[in-house]
Structures are given as structure tokens and as C-alpha cells.
């Protein structure tokens, strides 16, 4: 794995709002075990505790570093945003 990729993974670990599987999880015996990730079933309460259960969820795919997603969330505070890069 390239050094820049490792640096980016390390930087990602500093963001409290980011959820990522560890490289060990990703590289070990396929992906089936990720179906039982610890956040499964309660991620909305953990990550969007300030939103009501009726709060719309917006999924932004291919968000890169998330600047656009962050800007949208600042303008539309009544919605919960998830960015997947």
C-alpha cells in the first residue's frame, strides 16, 4: 500500500464523524465479516443524535474530501448527510 494512502487512512482516524473499516478488517478473509460491523443497527443514533428520527437522510456518493457535502449540510441543517467516497 502506498505511503500516501497510509497517511490518508491515518488522517481519517482523526475525524470523529468518519466511520471506516480498518485495513486489517478489509484485508482479512473477504468482506463477509463486515456485515456485523459494531455500528450496525444503531449508526443513526450514534452519528446523528441531534437529528429527530424523522429527519431526512441524504446520501452523497463519491464525495471526495467532503467539501460539497459539508457545504450542503450547513445550508440544510434539517437533514442528515452521509458522504461515501
N, C-alpha and C. Protein backbone atom coordinates (compact mmCIF):
# COMPACT_ATOMS: atom_id res chain seq x y z
N UNK A 1 0.85 -1.17 0.00
CA UNK A 1 0.00 0.00 0.00
C UNK A 1 0.90 1.23 0.00
N UNK A 2 0.56 2.23 -0.82
CA UNK A 2 1.38 3.43 -0.93
C UNK A 2 1.40 4.25 0.35
N UNK A 3 2.49 4.98 0.52
CA UNK A 3 2.64 5.80 1.73
C UNK A 3 1.56 6.87 1.83
N UNK A 4 1.16 7.45 0.70
CA UNK A 4 0.14 8.49 0.76
C UNK A 4 -1.20 7.90 1.21
N UNK A 5 -1.50 6.69 0.77
CA UNK A 5 -2.75 6.03 1.18
C UNK A 5 -2.73 5.79 2.69
N UNK A 6 -1.59 5.35 3.22
CA UNK A 6 -1.48 5.13 4.67
C UNK A 6 -1.64 6.44 5.43
N UNK A 7 -1.08 7.52 4.89
CA UNK A 7 -1.21 8.83 5.52
C UNK A 7 -2.68 9.26 5.55
N UNK A 8 -3.39 9.01 4.44
CA UNK A 8 -4.80 9.38 4.38
C UNK A 8 -5.63 8.56 5.36
N UNK A 9 -5.34 7.25 5.48
CA UNK A 9 -6.04 6.42 6.46
C UNK A 9 -5.80 6.96 7.87
N UNK A 10 -4.55 7.33 8.17
CA UNK A 10 -4.22 7.87 9.49
C UNK A 10 -4.94 9.19 9.73
N UNK A 11 -5.00 10.04 8.71
CA UNK A 11 -5.73 11.31 8.85
C UNK A 11 -7.21 11.06 9.08
N UNK A 12 -7.78 10.08 8.37
CA UNK A 12 -9.20 9.76 8.54
C UNK A 12 -9.52 9.36 9.98
N UNK A 13 -8.59 8.70 10.65
CA UNK A 13 -8.82 8.28 12.03
C UNK A 13 -8.98 9.47 12.98
N UNK A 14 -8.57 10.66 12.57
CA UNK A 14 -8.68 11.84 13.43
C UNK A 14 -10.05 12.50 13.35
N UNK A 15 -10.89 12.09 12.40
CA UNK A 15 -12.21 12.70 12.22
C UNK A 15 -13.26 11.92 12.99
N UNK A 16 -13.88 12.56 13.96
CA UNK A 16 -14.87 11.85 14.80
C UNK A 16 -16.12 11.47 14.02
N UNK A 17 -16.41 12.17 12.93
CA UNK A 17 -17.63 11.90 12.18
C UNK A 17 -17.42 10.84 11.10
N UNK A 18 -16.21 10.33 10.94
CA UNK A 18 -15.92 9.38 9.88
C UNK A 18 -15.90 7.96 10.42
N UNK A 19 -16.56 7.07 9.71
CA UNK A 19 -16.55 5.65 10.07
C UNK A 19 -15.87 4.91 8.94
N UNK A 20 -14.81 4.20 9.25
CA UNK A 20 -14.14 3.41 8.22
C UNK A 20 -13.68 2.11 8.83
N UNK A 21 -13.73 1.08 8.02
CA UNK A 21 -13.21 -0.22 8.46
C UNK A 21 -11.69 -0.13 8.50
N UNK A 22 -11.08 -0.81 9.44
CA UNK A 22 -9.62 -0.81 9.50
C UNK A 22 -9.08 -1.61 8.32
N UNK A 23 -7.84 -1.32 7.94
CA UNK A 23 -7.24 -2.06 6.83
C UNK A 23 -7.15 -3.55 7.16
N UNK A 24 -6.97 -3.88 8.43
CA UNK A 24 -6.92 -5.29 8.83
C UNK A 24 -8.27 -5.96 8.57
N UNK A 25 -9.37 -5.25 8.89
CA UNK A 25 -10.70 -5.79 8.61
C UNK A 25 -10.91 -5.99 7.12
N UNK A 26 -10.46 -5.04 6.32
CA UNK A 26 -10.68 -5.10 4.88
C UNK A 26 -9.86 -6.19 4.20
N UNK A 27 -8.69 -6.47 4.73
CA UNK A 27 -7.79 -7.42 4.08
C UNK A 27 -7.94 -8.84 4.58
N UNK A 28 -8.72 -9.06 5.62
CA UNK A 28 -8.82 -10.39 6.24
C UNK A 28 -10.00 -11.18 5.68
N UNK A 29 -9.72 -12.23 4.97
CA UNK A 29 -10.72 -13.24 4.58
C UNK A 29 -11.99 -12.69 3.93
N UNK A 30 -11.85 -11.83 2.99
CA UNK A 30 -13.04 -11.33 2.29
C UNK A 30 -13.78 -10.28 3.10
N UNK A 31 -15.01 -10.00 2.67
CA UNK A 31 -15.76 -8.90 3.26
C UNK A 31 -16.98 -9.35 4.05
N UNK A 32 -17.27 -10.63 4.09
CA UNK A 32 -18.49 -11.10 4.75
C UNK A 32 -18.57 -10.69 6.22
N UNK A 33 -17.44 -10.69 6.90
CA UNK A 33 -17.43 -10.35 8.33
C UNK A 33 -17.80 -8.89 8.60
N UNK A 34 -17.72 -8.04 7.58
CA UNK A 34 -18.10 -6.63 7.77
C UNK A 34 -19.60 -6.45 7.90
N UNK A 35 -20.38 -7.49 7.55
CA UNK A 35 -21.84 -7.41 7.69
C UNK A 35 -22.24 -7.24 9.15
N UNK A 36 -21.39 -7.62 10.08
CA UNK A 36 -21.68 -7.49 11.50
C UNK A 36 -20.81 -6.42 12.15
N UNK A 37 -20.62 -5.32 11.46
CA UNK A 37 -19.82 -4.20 11.99
C UNK A 37 -20.46 -3.69 13.29
N UNK A 38 -19.66 -3.27 14.27
CA UNK A 38 -20.21 -2.82 15.56
C UNK A 38 -21.24 -1.70 15.47
N UNK A 39 -21.20 -0.89 14.43
CA UNK A 39 -22.14 0.23 14.32
C UNK A 39 -23.46 -0.20 13.68
N UNK A 40 -23.52 -1.42 13.17
CA UNK A 40 -24.73 -1.91 12.50
C UNK A 40 -25.93 -1.85 13.45
N UNK A 41 -27.01 -1.26 12.96
CA UNK A 41 -28.25 -1.22 13.72
C UNK A 41 -28.44 0.00 14.59
N UNK A 42 -27.37 0.75 14.87
CA UNK A 42 -27.52 1.94 15.72
C UNK A 42 -26.65 3.10 15.26
N UNK A 43 -26.26 3.08 13.99
CA UNK A 43 -25.41 4.16 13.49
C UNK A 43 -26.12 5.50 13.49
N UNK A 44 -27.43 5.51 13.21
CA UNK A 44 -28.15 6.78 13.16
C UNK A 44 -28.15 7.45 14.54
N UNK A 45 -28.38 6.69 15.60
CA UNK A 45 -28.35 7.26 16.94
C UNK A 45 -26.94 7.72 17.31
N UNK A 46 -25.92 6.95 16.90
CA UNK A 46 -24.54 7.29 17.24
C UNK A 46 -24.04 8.52 16.49
N UNK A 47 -24.37 8.62 15.22
CA UNK A 47 -23.80 9.67 14.37
C UNK A 47 -24.73 10.87 14.17
N UNK A 48 -26.03 10.67 14.35
CA UNK A 48 -26.99 11.76 14.13
C UNK A 48 -27.89 11.94 15.34
N UNK A 49 -27.32 11.94 16.52
CA UNK A 49 -28.12 12.04 17.74
C UNK A 49 -28.85 13.38 17.85
N UNK A 50 -28.35 14.40 17.18
CA UNK A 50 -29.01 15.71 17.25
C UNK A 50 -30.21 15.81 16.31
N UNK A 51 -30.37 14.85 15.40
CA UNK A 51 -31.50 14.86 14.46
C UNK A 51 -32.65 14.03 15.01
N UNK A 52 -33.85 14.43 14.66
CA UNK A 52 -35.01 13.64 15.05
C UNK A 52 -35.07 12.39 14.17
N UNK A 53 -35.76 11.34 14.62
CA UNK A 53 -35.88 10.13 13.80
C UNK A 53 -36.54 10.39 12.44
N UNK A 54 -37.32 11.46 12.34
CA UNK A 54 -37.99 11.80 11.08
C UNK A 54 -37.10 12.61 10.15
N UNK A 55 -35.94 13.00 10.61
CA UNK A 55 -35.01 13.81 9.83
C UNK A 55 -34.62 13.08 8.54
N UNK A 56 -34.78 13.73 7.38
CA UNK A 56 -34.40 13.07 6.12
C UNK A 56 -32.91 12.76 6.09
N UNK A 57 -32.57 11.65 5.49
CA UNK A 57 -31.18 11.22 5.35
C UNK A 57 -30.77 11.41 3.90
N UNK A 58 -29.68 12.13 3.66
CA UNK A 58 -29.17 12.39 2.32
C UNK A 58 -27.85 11.65 2.16
N UNK A 59 -27.77 10.80 1.15
CA UNK A 59 -26.56 10.03 0.88
C UNK A 59 -25.83 10.67 -0.30
N UNK A 60 -24.60 11.09 -0.07
CA UNK A 60 -23.78 11.71 -1.10
C UNK A 60 -22.70 10.71 -1.49
N UNK A 61 -22.80 10.14 -2.68
CA UNK A 61 -21.84 9.15 -3.15
C UNK A 61 -20.71 9.83 -3.93
N UNK A 62 -19.48 9.35 -3.72
CA UNK A 62 -18.33 9.93 -4.39
C UNK A 62 -18.02 11.33 -3.89
N UNK A 63 -18.07 11.52 -2.58
CA UNK A 63 -17.95 12.87 -2.01
C UNK A 63 -16.52 13.37 -1.90
N UNK A 64 -15.53 12.55 -2.25
CA UNK A 64 -14.13 13.01 -2.15
C UNK A 64 -13.79 13.37 -0.73
N UNK A 65 -13.28 14.58 -0.53
CA UNK A 65 -12.93 15.04 0.82
C UNK A 65 -14.12 15.59 1.57
N UNK A 66 -15.27 15.71 0.91
CA UNK A 66 -16.49 16.08 1.59
C UNK A 66 -16.82 17.55 1.65
N UNK A 67 -16.07 18.40 0.93
CA UNK A 67 -16.34 19.84 1.00
C UNK A 67 -17.77 20.16 0.56
N UNK A 68 -18.21 19.57 -0.55
CA UNK A 68 -19.56 19.84 -1.06
C UNK A 68 -20.61 19.32 -0.08
N UNK A 69 -20.38 18.14 0.47
CA UNK A 69 -21.32 17.55 1.43
C UNK A 69 -21.43 18.43 2.67
N UNK A 70 -20.30 18.92 3.17
CA UNK A 70 -20.30 19.81 4.34
C UNK A 70 -21.05 21.10 4.02
N UNK A 71 -20.81 21.67 2.84
CA UNK A 71 -21.50 22.90 2.46
C UNK A 71 -23.01 22.68 2.38
N UNK A 72 -23.43 21.54 1.81
CA UNK A 72 -24.87 21.25 1.74
C UNK A 72 -25.45 21.10 3.14
N UNK A 73 -24.73 20.43 4.03
CA UNK A 73 -25.25 20.21 5.38
C UNK A 73 -25.36 21.52 6.15
N UNK A 74 -24.48 22.48 5.86
CA UNK A 74 -24.57 23.78 6.52
C UNK A 74 -25.79 24.56 6.04
N UNK A 75 -26.14 24.40 4.78
CA UNK A 75 -27.31 25.11 4.22
C UNK A 75 -28.62 24.42 4.56
N UNK A 76 -28.57 23.10 4.77
CA UNK A 76 -29.79 22.33 5.00
C UNK A 76 -29.65 21.59 6.33
N UNK A 77 -29.66 22.35 7.41
CA UNK A 77 -29.41 21.80 8.75
C UNK A 77 -30.50 20.86 9.24
N UNK A 78 -31.64 20.84 8.58
CA UNK A 78 -32.74 19.96 9.00
C UNK A 78 -32.64 18.58 8.36
N UNK A 79 -31.53 18.30 7.67
CA UNK A 79 -31.32 17.00 7.04
C UNK A 79 -30.00 16.42 7.54
N UNK A 80 -29.91 15.09 7.55
CA UNK A 80 -28.68 14.40 7.95
C UNK A 80 -27.95 13.94 6.69
N UNK A 81 -26.65 14.22 6.61
CA UNK A 81 -25.87 13.90 5.42
C UNK A 81 -24.85 12.81 5.71
N UNK A 82 -24.75 11.86 4.79
CA UNK A 82 -23.74 10.81 4.84
C UNK A 82 -22.96 10.90 3.54
N UNK A 83 -21.65 11.04 3.63
CA UNK A 83 -20.80 11.08 2.44
C UNK A 83 -20.01 9.80 2.31
N UNK A 84 -20.03 9.21 1.13
CA UNK A 84 -19.27 7.99 0.85
C UNK A 84 -18.29 8.31 -0.26
N UNK A 85 -17.01 8.13 0.01
CA UNK A 85 -16.03 8.45 -1.02
C UNK A 85 -15.43 7.21 -1.62
